[in-house]
Amino acid sequence: RALGDAEARHVEARSVGEQAEKAVDAARQRLQASSPEGIEVRSQLAVLEERLKELQLHAQRDARKLEQLEAEATRLRGDREAVEKELEGFAEQARRPSPFTPEQ
């Protein structure tokens, strides 16, 4: 029975200790939040977070633009190949002897 009572007191003491640690942490956070340095740090953090969002947005826009430009470059390469084939055909026709004589 004494062992059971001791265990109960131990569990209760541990619980009270954990509650005290939480209270100290909360008080520490309130103190840091209310200090001028804490305010400055939070302000700087907010500015940096906003800048990060802006950079991420620009990166997304740049990625979309890059995809568009790569697609356009692919299309233009295809167009160039088609024109080159057409020119080769014209050059081949120009190399063939004409079926007509100069008198015709």
PDB file of N, CA and C in Angstrom:
ATOM      1  N   ARG A   1       0.835  -1.193   0.000  1.00  0.00           N
ATOM      2  CA  ARG A   1       0.000   0.000   0.000  1.00  0.00           C
ATOM      3  C   ARG A   1       0.879   1.256   0.000  1.00  0.00           C
ATOM      4  N   ALA A   2       1.925   1.271   0.780  1.00  0.00           N
ATOM      5  CA  ALA A   2       2.818   2.422   0.831  1.00  0.00           C
ATOM      6  C   ALA A   2       3.479   2.622  -0.528  1.00  0.00           C
ATOM      7  N   LEU A   3       3.795   1.521  -1.205  1.00  0.00           N
ATOM      8  CA  LEU A   3       4.394   1.603  -2.535  1.00  0.00           C
ATOM      9  C   LEU A   3       3.412   2.228  -3.519  1.00  0.00           C
ATOM     10  N   GLY A   4       2.163   1.834  -3.438  1.00  0.00           N
ATOM     11  CA  GLY A   4       1.129   2.401  -4.306  1.00  0.00           C
ATOM     12  C   GLY A   4       0.955   3.881  -4.057  1.00  0.00           C
ATOM     13  N   ASP A   5       0.983   4.292  -2.791  1.00  0.00           N
ATOM     14  CA  ASP A   5       0.863   5.717  -2.463  1.00  0.00           C
ATOM     15  C   ASP A   5       2.058   6.493  -3.009  1.00  0.00           C
ATOM     16  N   ALA A   6       3.236   5.909  -2.903  1.00  0.00           N
ATOM     17  CA  ALA A   6       4.448   6.571  -3.391  1.00  0.00           C
ATOM     18  C   ALA A   6       4.389   6.730  -4.911  1.00  0.00           C
ATOM     19  N   GLU A   7       3.907   5.694  -5.595  1.00  0.00           N
ATOM     20  CA  GLU A   7       3.788   5.774  -7.051  1.00  0.00           C
ATOM     21  C   GLU A   7       2.782   6.847  -7.456  1.00  0.00           C
ATOM     22  N   ALA A   8       1.685   6.929  -6.727  1.00  0.00           N
ATOM     23  CA  ALA A   8       0.667   7.945  -7.018  1.00  0.00           C
ATOM     24  C   ALA A   8       1.246   9.341  -6.821  1.00  0.00           C
ATOM     25  N   ARG A   9       2.008   9.527  -5.712  1.00  0.00           N
ATOM     26  CA  ARG A   9       2.628  10.833  -5.475  1.00  0.00           C
ATOM     27  C   ARG A   9       3.654  11.153  -6.564  1.00  0.00           C
ATOM     28  N   HIS A  10       4.374  10.125  -7.020  1.00  0.00           N
ATOM     29  CA  HIS A  10       5.367  10.306  -8.081  1.00  0.00           C
ATOM     30  C   HIS A  10       4.685  10.745  -9.382  1.00  0.00           C
ATOM     31  N   VAL A  11       3.599  10.097  -9.741  1.00  0.00           N
ATOM     32  CA  VAL A  11       2.853  10.451 -10.954  1.00  0.00           C
ATOM     33  C   VAL A  11       2.317  11.869 -10.837  1.00  0.00           C
ATOM     34  N   GLU A  12       1.784  12.201  -9.659  1.00  0.00           N
ATOM     35  CA  GLU A  12       1.247  13.548  -9.448  1.00  0.00           C
ATOM     36  C   GLU A  12       2.365  14.587  -9.522  1.00  0.00           C
ATOM     37  N   ALA A  13       3.510  14.282  -8.942  1.00  0.00           N
ATOM     38  CA  ALA A  13       4.638  15.213  -8.968  1.00  0.00           C
ATOM     39  C   ALA A  13       5.132  15.414 -10.401  1.00  0.00           C
ATOM     40  N   ARG A  14       5.169  14.339 -11.166  1.00  0.00           N
ATOM     41  CA  ARG A  14       5.591  14.442 -12.562  1.00  0.00           C
ATOM     42  C   ARG A  14       4.613  15.320 -13.337  1.00  0.00           C
ATOM     43  N   SER A  15       3.337  15.138 -13.109  1.00  0.00           N
ATOM     44  CA  SER A  15       2.311  15.935 -13.782  1.00  0.00           C
ATOM     45  C   SER A  15       2.437  17.410 -13.420  1.00  0.00           C
ATOM     46  N   VAL A  16       2.631  17.682 -12.126  1.00  0.00           N
ATOM     47  CA  VAL A  16       2.796  19.063 -11.678  1.00  0.00           C
ATOM     48  C   VAL A  16       4.061  19.659 -12.292  1.00  0.00           C
ATOM     49  N   GLY A  17       5.114  18.878 -12.368  1.00  0.00           N
ATOM     50  CA  GLY A  17       6.366  19.345 -12.972  1.00  0.00           C
ATOM     51  C   GLY A  17       6.182  19.680 -14.447  1.00  0.00           C
ATOM     52  N   GLU A  18       5.468  18.829 -15.176  1.00  0.00           N
ATOM     53  CA  GLU A  18       5.218  19.096 -16.594  1.00  0.00           C
ATOM     54  C   GLU A  18       4.380  20.359 -16.776  1.00  0.00           C
ATOM     55  N   GLN A  19       3.391  20.525 -15.917  1.00  0.00           N
ATOM     56  CA  GLN A  19       2.559  21.727 -15.979  1.00  0.00           C
ATOM     57  C   GLN A  19       3.396  22.975 -15.693  1.00  0.00           C
ATOM     58  N   ALA A  20       4.306  22.861 -14.739  1.00  0.00           N
ATOM     59  CA  ALA A  20       5.171  23.991 -14.401  1.00  0.00           C
ATOM     60  C   ALA A  20       6.088  24.331 -15.574  1.00  0.00           C
ATOM     61  N   GLU A  21       6.636  23.305 -16.231  1.00  0.00           N
ATOM     62  CA  GLU A  21       7.489  23.548 -17.397  1.00  0.00           C
ATOM     63  C   GLU A  21       6.714  24.249 -18.510  1.00  0.00           C
ATOM     64  N   LYS A  22       5.490  23.819 -18.722  1.00  0.00           N
ATOM     65  CA  LYS A  22       4.653  24.456 -19.742  1.00  0.00           C
ATOM     66  C   LYS A  22       4.373  25.910 -19.382  1.00  0.00           C
ATOM     67  N   ALA A  23       4.117  26.160 -18.103  1.00  0.00           N
ATOM     68  CA  ALA A  23       3.849  27.531 -17.659  1.00  0.00           C
ATOM     69  C   ALA A  23       5.084  28.407 -17.840  1.00  0.00           C
ATOM     70  N   VAL A  24       6.258  27.864 -17.526  1.00  0.00           N
ATOM     71  CA  VAL A  24       7.504  28.611 -17.703  1.00  0.00           C
ATOM     72  C   VAL A  24       7.731  28.908 -19.184  1.00  0.00           C
ATOM     73  N   ASP A  25       7.516  27.910 -20.042  1.00  0.00           N
ATOM     74  CA  ASP A  25       7.677  28.120 -21.486  1.00  0.00           C
ATOM     75  C   ASP A  25       6.713  29.187 -21.995  1.00  0.00           C
ATOM     76  N   ALA A  26       5.475  29.138 -21.540  1.00  0.00           N
ATOM     77  CA  ALA A  26       4.484  30.134 -21.959  1.00  0.00           C
ATOM     78  C   ALA A  26       4.885  31.525 -21.487  1.00  0.00           C
ATOM     79  N   ALA A  27       5.354  31.619 -20.240  1.00  0.00           N
ATOM     80  CA  ALA A  27       5.788  32.912 -19.711  1.00  0.00           C
ATOM     81  C   ALA A  27       6.995  33.431 -20.484  1.00  0.00           C
ATOM     82  N   ARG A  28       7.910  32.539 -20.823  1.00  0.00           N
ATOM     83  CA  ARG A  28       9.097  32.923 -21.589  1.00  0.00           C
ATOM     84  C   ARG A  28       8.682  33.447 -22.970  1.00  0.00           C
ATOM     85  N   GLN A  29       7.745  32.773 -23.596  1.00  0.00           N
ATOM     86  CA  GLN A  29       7.272  33.217 -24.908  1.00  0.00           C
ATOM     87  C   GLN A  29       6.583  34.577 -24.817  1.00  0.00           C
ATOM     88  N   ARG A  30       5.782  34.778 -23.766  1.00  0.00           N
ATOM     89  CA  ARG A  30       5.121  36.078 -23.596  1.00  0.00           C
ATOM     90  C   ARG A  30       6.152  37.175 -23.367  1.00  0.00           C
ATOM     91  N   LEU A  31       7.174  36.862 -22.586  1.00  0.00           N
ATOM     92  CA  LEU A  31       8.225  37.835 -22.318  1.00  0.00           C
ATOM     93  C   LEU A  31       8.965  38.189 -23.606  1.00  0.00           C
ATOM     94  N   GLN A  32       9.319  37.178 -24.375  1.00  0.00           N
ATOM     95  CA  GLN A  32      10.021  37.423 -25.635  1.00  0.00           C
ATOM     96  C   GLN A  32       9.136  38.196 -26.606  1.00  0.00           C
ATOM     97  N   ALA A  33       7.865  37.873 -26.609  1.00  0.00           N
ATOM     98  CA  ALA A  33       6.940  38.547 -27.523  1.00  0.00           C
ATOM     99  C   ALA A  33       6.753  40.007 -27.144  1.00  0.00           C
ATOM    100  N   SER A  34       6.853  40.306 -25.870  1.00  0.00           N
ATOM    101  CA  SER A  34       6.613  41.681 -25.437  1.00  0.00           C
ATOM    102  C   SER A  34       7.876  42.536 -25.455  1.00  0.00           C
ATOM    103  N   SER A  35       9.022  41.914 -25.594  1.00  0.00           N
ATOM    104  CA  SER A  35      10.267  42.687 -25.589  1.00  0.00           C
ATOM    105  C   SER A  35      10.465  43.360 -26.941  1.00  0.00           C
ATOM    106  N   PRO A  36      11.144  44.507 -26.963  1.00  0.00           N
ATOM    107  CA  PRO A  36      11.409  45.197 -28.237  1.00  0.00           C
ATOM    108  C   PRO A  36      12.177  44.326 -29.225  1.00  0.00           C
ATOM    109  N   GLU A  37      13.114  43.537 -28.717  1.00  0.00           N
ATOM    110  CA  GLU A  37      13.870  42.657 -29.603  1.00  0.00           C
ATOM    111  C   GLU A  37      12.949  41.633 -30.241  1.00  0.00           C
ATOM    112  N   GLY A  38      12.025  41.102 -29.445  1.00  0.00           N
ATOM    113  CA  GLY A  38      11.066  40.131 -29.978  1.00  0.00           C
ATOM    114  C   GLY A  38      10.197  40.749 -31.052  1.00  0.00           C
ATOM    115  N   ILE A  39       9.791  41.981 -30.826  1.00  0.00           N
ATOM    116  CA  ILE A  39       8.970  42.681 -31.816  1.00  0.00           C
ATOM    117  C   ILE A  39       9.774  42.896 -33.095  1.00  0.00           C
ATOM    118  N   GLU A  40      11.028  43.311 -32.948  1.00  0.00           N
ATOM    119  CA  GLU A  40      11.888  43.530 -34.116  1.00  0.00           C
ATOM    120  C   GLU A  40      12.110  42.228 -34.880  1.00  0.00           C
ATOM    121  N   VAL A  41      12.366  41.167 -34.149  1.00  0.00           N
ATOM    122  CA  VAL A  41      12.598  39.868 -34.787  1.00  0.00           C
ATOM    123  C   VAL A  41      11.348  39.422 -35.533  1.00  0.00           C
ATOM    124  N   ARG A  42      10.186  39.573 -34.904  1.00  0.00           N
ATOM    125  CA  ARG A  42       8.935  39.183 -35.568  1.00  0.00           C
ATOM    126  C   ARG A  42       8.707  40.028 -36.816  1.00  0.00           C
ATOM    127  N   SER A  43       9.029  41.307 -36.723  1.00  0.00           N
ATOM    128  CA  SER A  43       8.873  42.199 -37.873  1.00  0.00           C
ATOM    129  C   SER A  43       9.795  41.773 -39.012  1.00  0.00           C
ATOM    130  N   GLN A  44      11.045  41.498 -38.682  1.00  0.00           N
ATOM    131  CA  GLN A  44      11.995  41.043 -39.698  1.00  0.00           C
ATOM    132  C   GLN A  44      11.550  39.718 -40.300  1.00  0.00           C
ATOM    133  N   LEU A  45      11.058  38.836 -39.445  1.00  0.00           N
ATOM    134  CA  LEU A  45      10.576  37.542 -39.921  1.00  0.00           C
ATOM    135  C   LEU A  45       9.409  37.728 -40.881  1.00  0.00           C
ATOM    136  N   ALA A  46       8.491  38.620 -40.548  1.00  0.00           N
ATOM    137  CA  ALA A  46       7.344  38.878 -41.425  1.00  0.00           C
ATOM    138  C   ALA A  46       7.808  39.420 -42.772  1.00  0.00           C
ATOM    139  N   VAL A  47       8.786  40.334 -42.750  1.00  0.00           N
ATOM    140  CA  VAL A  47       9.322  40.890 -43.998  1.00  0.00           C
ATOM    141  C   VAL A  47       9.976  39.788 -44.823  1.00  0.00           C
ATOM    142  N   LEU A  48      10.773  38.948 -44.167  1.00  0.00           N
ATOM    143  CA  LEU A  48      11.453  37.869 -44.883  1.00  0.00           C
ATOM    144  C   LEU A  48      10.466  36.851 -45.440  1.00  0.00           C
ATOM    145  N   GLU A  49       9.422  36.547 -44.678  1.00  0.00           N
ATOM    146  CA  GLU A  49       8.410  35.613 -45.169  1.00  0.00           C
ATOM    147  C   GLU A  49       7.690  36.193 -46.386  1.00  0.00           C
ATOM    148  N   GLU A  50       7.400  37.483 -46.354  1.00  0.00           N
ATOM    149  CA  GLU A  50       6.754  38.139 -47.499  1.00  0.00           C
ATOM    150  C   GLU A  50       7.682  38.117 -48.712  1.00  0.00           C
ATOM    151  N   ARG A  51       8.950  38.385 -48.480  1.00  0.00           N
ATOM    152  CA  ARG A  51       9.934  38.358 -49.575  1.00  0.00           C
ATOM    153  C   ARG A  51      10.042  36.954 -50.160  1.00  0.00           C
ATOM    154  N   LEU A  52      10.017  35.941 -49.293  1.00  0.00           N
ATOM    155  CA  LEU A  52      10.073  34.557 -49.755  1.00  0.00           C
ATOM    156  C   LEU A  52       8.868  34.244 -50.636  1.00  0.00           C
ATOM    157  N   LYS A  53       7.691  34.689 -50.223  1.00  0.00           N
ATOM    158  CA  LYS A  53       6.487  34.466 -51.034  1.00  0.00           C
ATOM    159  C   LYS A  53       6.628  35.132 -52.399  1.00  0.00           C
ATOM    160  N   GLU A  54       7.159  36.360 -52.405  1.00  0.00           N
ATOM    161  CA  GLU A  54       7.362  37.075 -53.669  1.00  0.00           C
ATOM    162  C   GLU A  54       8.334  36.317 -54.568  1.00  0.00           C
ATOM    163  N   LEU A  55       9.431  35.837 -53.983  1.00  0.00           N
ATOM    164  CA  LEU A  55      10.425  35.105 -54.766  1.00  0.00           C
ATOM    165  C   LEU A  55       9.843  33.810 -55.316  1.00  0.00           C
ATOM    166  N   GLN A  56       9.038  33.127 -54.505  1.00  0.00           N
ATOM    167  CA  GLN A  56       8.408  31.898 -54.973  1.00  0.00           C
ATOM    168  C   GLN A  56       7.444  32.187 -56.118  1.00  0.00           C
ATOM    169  N   LEU A  57       6.700  33.283 -56.003  1.00  0.00           N
ATOM    170  CA  LEU A  57       5.775  33.670 -57.063  1.00  0.00           C
ATOM    171  C   LEU A  57       6.536  33.985 -58.349  1.00  0.00           C
ATOM    172  N   HIS A  58       7.637  34.735 -58.223  1.00  0.00           N
ATOM    173  CA  HIS A  58       8.453  35.049 -59.404  1.00  0.00           C
ATOM    174  C   HIS A  58       9.039  33.772 -60.007  1.00  0.00           C
ATOM    175  N   ALA A  59       9.460  32.851 -59.164  1.00  0.00           N
ATOM    176  CA  ALA A  59      10.024  31.593 -59.659  1.00  0.00           C
ATOM    177  C   ALA A  59       8.963  30.807 -60.431  1.00  0.00           C
ATOM    178  N   GLN A  60       7.735  30.798 -59.925  1.00  0.00           N
ATOM    179  CA  GLN A  60       6.654  30.104 -60.630  1.00  0.00           C
ATOM    180  C   GLN A  60       6.376  30.765 -61.975  1.00  0.00           C
ATOM    181  N   ARG A  61       6.338  32.095 -61.980  1.00  0.00           N
ATOM    182  CA  ARG A  61       6.112  32.823 -63.242  1.00  0.00           C
ATOM    183  C   ARG A  61       7.243  32.546 -64.228  1.00  0.00           C
ATOM    184  N   ASP A  62       8.479  32.573 -63.730  1.00  0.00           N
ATOM    185  CA  ASP A  62       9.627  32.310 -64.597  1.00  0.00           C
ATOM    186  C   ASP A  62       9.567  30.895 -65.167  1.00  0.00           C
ATOM    187  N   ALA A  63       9.155  29.937 -64.343  1.00  0.00           N
ATOM    188  CA  ALA A  63       9.054  28.551 -64.806  1.00  0.00           C
ATOM    189  C   ALA A  63       8.001  28.432 -65.909  1.00  0.00           C
ATOM    190  N   ARG A  64       6.850  29.103 -65.719  1.00  0.00           N
ATOM    191  CA  ARG A  64       5.812  29.071 -66.755  1.00  0.00           C
ATOM    192  C   ARG A  64       6.310  29.734 -68.046  1.00  0.00           C
ATOM    193  N   LYS A  65       6.992  30.856 -67.911  1.00  0.00           N
ATOM    194  CA  LYS A  65       7.520  31.561 -69.083  1.00  0.00           C
ATOM    195  C   LYS A  65       8.549  30.695 -69.798  1.00  0.00           C
ATOM    196  N   LEU A  66       9.402  30.022 -69.031  1.00  0.00           N
ATOM    197  CA  LEU A  66      10.406  29.141 -69.623  1.00  0.00           C
ATOM    198  C   LEU A  66       9.734  28.021 -70.406  1.00  0.00           C
ATOM    199  N   GLU A  67       8.682  27.432 -69.843  1.00  0.00           N
ATOM    200  CA  GLU A  67       7.950  26.375 -70.549  1.00  0.00           C
ATOM    201  C   GLU A  67       7.372  26.907 -71.857  1.00  0.00           C
ATOM    202  N   GLN A  68       6.804  28.116 -71.812  1.00  0.00           N
ATOM    203  CA  GLN A  68       6.234  28.708 -73.023  1.00  0.00           C
ATOM    204  C   GLN A  68       7.319  28.943 -74.072  1.00  0.00           C
ATOM    205  N   LEU A  69       8.449  29.469 -73.630  1.00  0.00           N
ATOM    206  CA  LEU A  69       9.538  29.747 -74.565  1.00  0.00           C
ATOM    207  C   LEU A  69      10.114  28.458 -75.154  1.00  0.00           C
ATOM    208  N   GLU A  70      10.232  27.423 -74.338  1.00  0.00           N
ATOM    209  CA  GLU A  70      10.733  26.144 -74.845  1.00  0.00           C
ATOM    210  C   GLU A  70       9.764  25.552 -75.860  1.00  0.00           C
ATOM    211  N   ALA A  71       8.462  25.666 -75.594  1.00  0.00           N
ATOM    212  CA  ALA A  71       7.463  25.174 -76.546  1.00  0.00           C
ATOM    213  C   ALA A  71       7.542  25.961 -77.851  1.00  0.00           C
ATOM    214  N   GLU A  72       7.704  27.271 -77.745  1.00  0.00           N
ATOM    215  CA  GLU A  72       7.829  28.119 -78.939  1.00  0.00           C
ATOM    216  C   GLU A  72       9.089  27.761 -79.719  1.00  0.00           C
ATOM    217  N   ALA A  73      10.193  27.523 -79.016  1.00  0.00           N
ATOM    218  CA  ALA A  73      11.443  27.148 -79.682  1.00  0.00           C
ATOM    219  C   ALA A  73      11.282  25.809 -80.407  1.00  0.00           C
ATOM    220  N   THR A  74      10.596  24.864 -79.787  1.00  0.00           N
ATOM    221  CA  THR A  74      10.353  23.567 -80.417  1.00  0.00           C
ATOM    222  C   THR A  74       9.520  23.742 -81.686  1.00  0.00           C
ATOM    223  N   ARG A  75       8.488  24.568 -81.594  1.00  0.00           N
ATOM    224  CA  ARG A  75       7.634  24.823 -82.758  1.00  0.00           C
ATOM    225  C   ARG A  75       8.438  25.477 -83.881  1.00  0.00           C
ATOM    226  N   LEU A  76       9.259  26.455 -83.521  1.00  0.00           N
ATOM    227  CA  LEU A  76      10.064  27.146 -84.531  1.00  0.00           C
ATOM    228  C   LEU A  76      11.090  26.215 -85.176  1.00  0.00           C
ATOM    229  N   ARG A  77      11.678  25.315 -84.391  1.00  0.00           N
ATOM    230  CA  ARG A  77      12.613  24.342 -84.968  1.00  0.00           C
ATOM    231  C   ARG A  77      11.893  23.452 -85.978  1.00  0.00           C
ATOM    232  N   GLY A  78      10.678  23.050 -85.629  1.00  0.00           N
ATOM    233  CA  GLY A  78       9.887  22.247 -86.568  1.00  0.00           C
ATOM    234  C   GLY A  78       9.584  23.014 -87.842  1.00  0.00           C
ATOM    235  N   ASP A  79       9.223  24.286 -87.695  1.00  0.00           N
ATOM    236  CA  ASP A  79       8.968  25.128 -88.871  1.00  0.00           C
ATOM    237  C   ASP A  79      10.225  25.254 -89.726  1.00  0.00           C
ATOM    238  N   ARG A  80      11.367  25.450 -89.073  1.00  0.00           N
ATOM    239  CA  ARG A  80      12.631  25.590 -89.803  1.00  0.00           C
ATOM    240  C   ARG A  80      12.944  24.314 -90.582  1.00  0.00           C
ATOM    241  N   GLU A  81      12.744  23.160 -89.950  1.00  0.00           N
ATOM    242  CA  GLU A  81      13.008  21.892 -90.635  1.00  0.00           C
ATOM    243  C   GLU A  81      12.108  21.738 -91.857  1.00  0.00           C
ATOM    244  N   ALA A  82      10.843  22.139 -91.717  1.00  0.00           N
ATOM    245  CA  ALA A  82       9.917  22.043 -92.852  1.00  0.00           C
ATOM    246  C   ALA A  82      10.363  22.953 -93.990  1.00  0.00           C
ATOM    247  N   VAL A  83      10.788  24.161 -93.659  1.00  0.00           N
ATOM    248  CA  VAL A  83      11.253  25.104 -94.685  1.00  0.00           C
ATOM    249  C   VAL A  83      12.528  24.584 -95.341  1.00  0.00           C
ATOM    250  N   GLU A  84      13.434  24.017 -94.547  1.00  0.00           N
ATOM    251  CA  GLU A  84      14.676  23.475 -95.108  1.00  0.00           C
ATOM    252  C   GLU A  84      14.383  22.331 -96.074  1.00  0.00           C
ATOM    253  N   LYS A  85      13.427  21.464 -95.728  1.00  0.00           N
ATOM    254  CA  LYS A  85      13.060  20.370 -96.630  1.00  0.00           C
ATOM    255  C   LYS A  85      12.459  20.918 -97.919  1.00  0.00           C
ATOM    256  N   GLU A  86      11.634  21.938 -97.770  1.00  0.00           N
ATOM    257  CA  GLU A  86      11.036  22.549 -98.955  1.00  0.00           C
ATOM    258  C   GLU A  86      12.116  23.162 -99.847  1.00  0.00           C
ATOM    259  N   LEU A  87      13.085  23.833 -99.232  1.00  0.00           N
ATOM    260  CA  LEU A  87      14.190  24.416-100.002  1.00  0.00           C
ATOM    261  C   LEU A  87      15.023  23.336-100.686  1.00  0.00           C
ATOM    262  N   GLU A  88      15.242  22.227 -99.998  1.00  0.00           N
ATOM    263  CA  GLU A  88      15.977  21.116-100.611  1.00  0.00           C
ATOM    264  C   GLU A  88      15.231  20.606-101.839  1.00  0.00           C
ATOM    265  N   GLY A  89      13.908  20.545-101.710  1.00  0.00           N
ATOM    266  CA  GLY A  89      13.104  20.116-102.863  1.00  0.00           C
ATOM    267  C   GLY A  89      13.238  21.078-104.021  1.00  0.00           C
ATOM    268  N   PHE A  90      13.197  22.365-103.729  1.00  0.00           N
ATOM    269  CA  PHE A  90      13.365  23.366-104.785  1.00  0.00           C
ATOM    270  C   PHE A  90      14.761  23.269-105.406  1.00  0.00           C
ATOM    271  N   ALA A  91      15.771  23.071-104.581  1.00  0.00           N
ATOM    272  CA  ALA A  91      17.147  22.958-105.085  1.00  0.00           C
ATOM    273  C   ALA A  91      17.276  21.728-105.971  1.00  0.00           C
ATOM    274  N   GLU A  92      16.649  20.636-105.579  1.00  0.00           N
ATOM    275  CA  GLU A  92      16.683  19.406-106.379  1.00  0.00           C
ATOM    276  C   GLU A  92      16.016  19.647-107.729  1.00  0.00           C
ATOM    277  N   GLN A  93      14.890  20.333-107.710  1.00  0.00           N
ATOM    278  CA  GLN A  93      14.203  20.640-108.968  1.00  0.00           C
ATOM    279  C   GLN A  93      15.065  21.539-109.848  1.00  0.00           C
ATOM    280  N   ALA A  94      15.762  22.475-109.243  1.00  0.00           N
ATOM    281  CA  ALA A  94      16.605  23.392-110.010  1.00  0.00           C
ATOM    282  C   ALA A  94      17.790  22.670-110.635  1.00  0.00           C
ATOM    283  N   ARG A  95      18.277  21.615-110.010  1.00  0.00           N
ATOM    284  CA  ARG A  95      19.423  20.864-110.547  1.00  0.00           C
ATOM    285  C   ARG A  95      19.020  19.964-111.717  1.00  0.00           C
ATOM    286  N   ARG A  96      17.769  19.584-111.784  1.00  0.00           N
ATOM    287  CA  ARG A  96      17.324  18.706-112.875  1.00  0.00           C
ATOM    288  C   ARG A  96      17.337  19.485-114.195  1.00  0.00           C
ATOM    289  N   PRO A  97      17.677  18.780-115.255  1.00  0.00           N
ATOM    290  CA  PRO A  97      17.639  19.459-116.557  1.00  0.00           C
ATOM    291  C   PRO A  97      16.194  19.773-116.937  1.00  0.00           C
ATOM    292  N   SER A  98      16.017  20.861-117.524  1.00  0.00           N
ATOM    293  CA  SER A  98      14.680  21.281-117.934  1.00  0.00           C
ATOM    294  C   SER A  98      14.223  20.425-119.110  1.00  0.00           C
ATOM    295  N   PRO A  99      12.973  19.991-119.099  1.00  0.00           N
ATOM    296  CA  PRO A  99      12.488  19.195-120.232  1.00  0.00           C
ATOM    297  C   PRO A  99      12.286  20.056-121.481  1.00  0.00           C
ATOM    298  N   PHE A 100      12.350  21.338-121.302  1.00  0.00           N
ATOM    299  CA  PHE A 100      12.145  22.243-122.440  1.00  0.00           C
ATOM    300  C   PHE A 100      13.493  22.717-122.980  1.00  0.00           C
ATOM    301  N   THR A 101      13.559  22.880-124.251  1.00  0.00           N
ATOM    302  CA  THR A 101      14.762  23.422-124.872  1.00  0.00           C
ATOM    303  C   THR A 101      14.643  24.934-124.873  1.00  0.00           C
ATOM    304  N   PRO A 102      15.750  25.617-125.002  1.00  0.00           N
ATOM    305  CA  PRO A 102      15.675  27.081-125.010  1.00  0.00           C
ATOM    306  C   PRO A 102      14.781  27.616-126.130  1.00  0.00           C
ATOM    307  N   GLU A 103      14.655  26.865-127.227  1.00  0.00           N
ATOM    308  CA  GLU A 103      13.819  27.325-128.320  1.00  0.00           C
ATOM    309  C   GLU A 103      12.341  27.226-127.986  1.00  0.00           C
ATOM    310  N   GLN A 104      11.983  26.359-127.098  1.00  0.00           N
ATOM    311  CA  GLN A 104      10.574  26.174-126.777  1.00  0.00           C
ATOM    312  C   GLN A 104      10.174  27.291-125.893  1.00  0.00           C
TER     313      GLN A 104
END
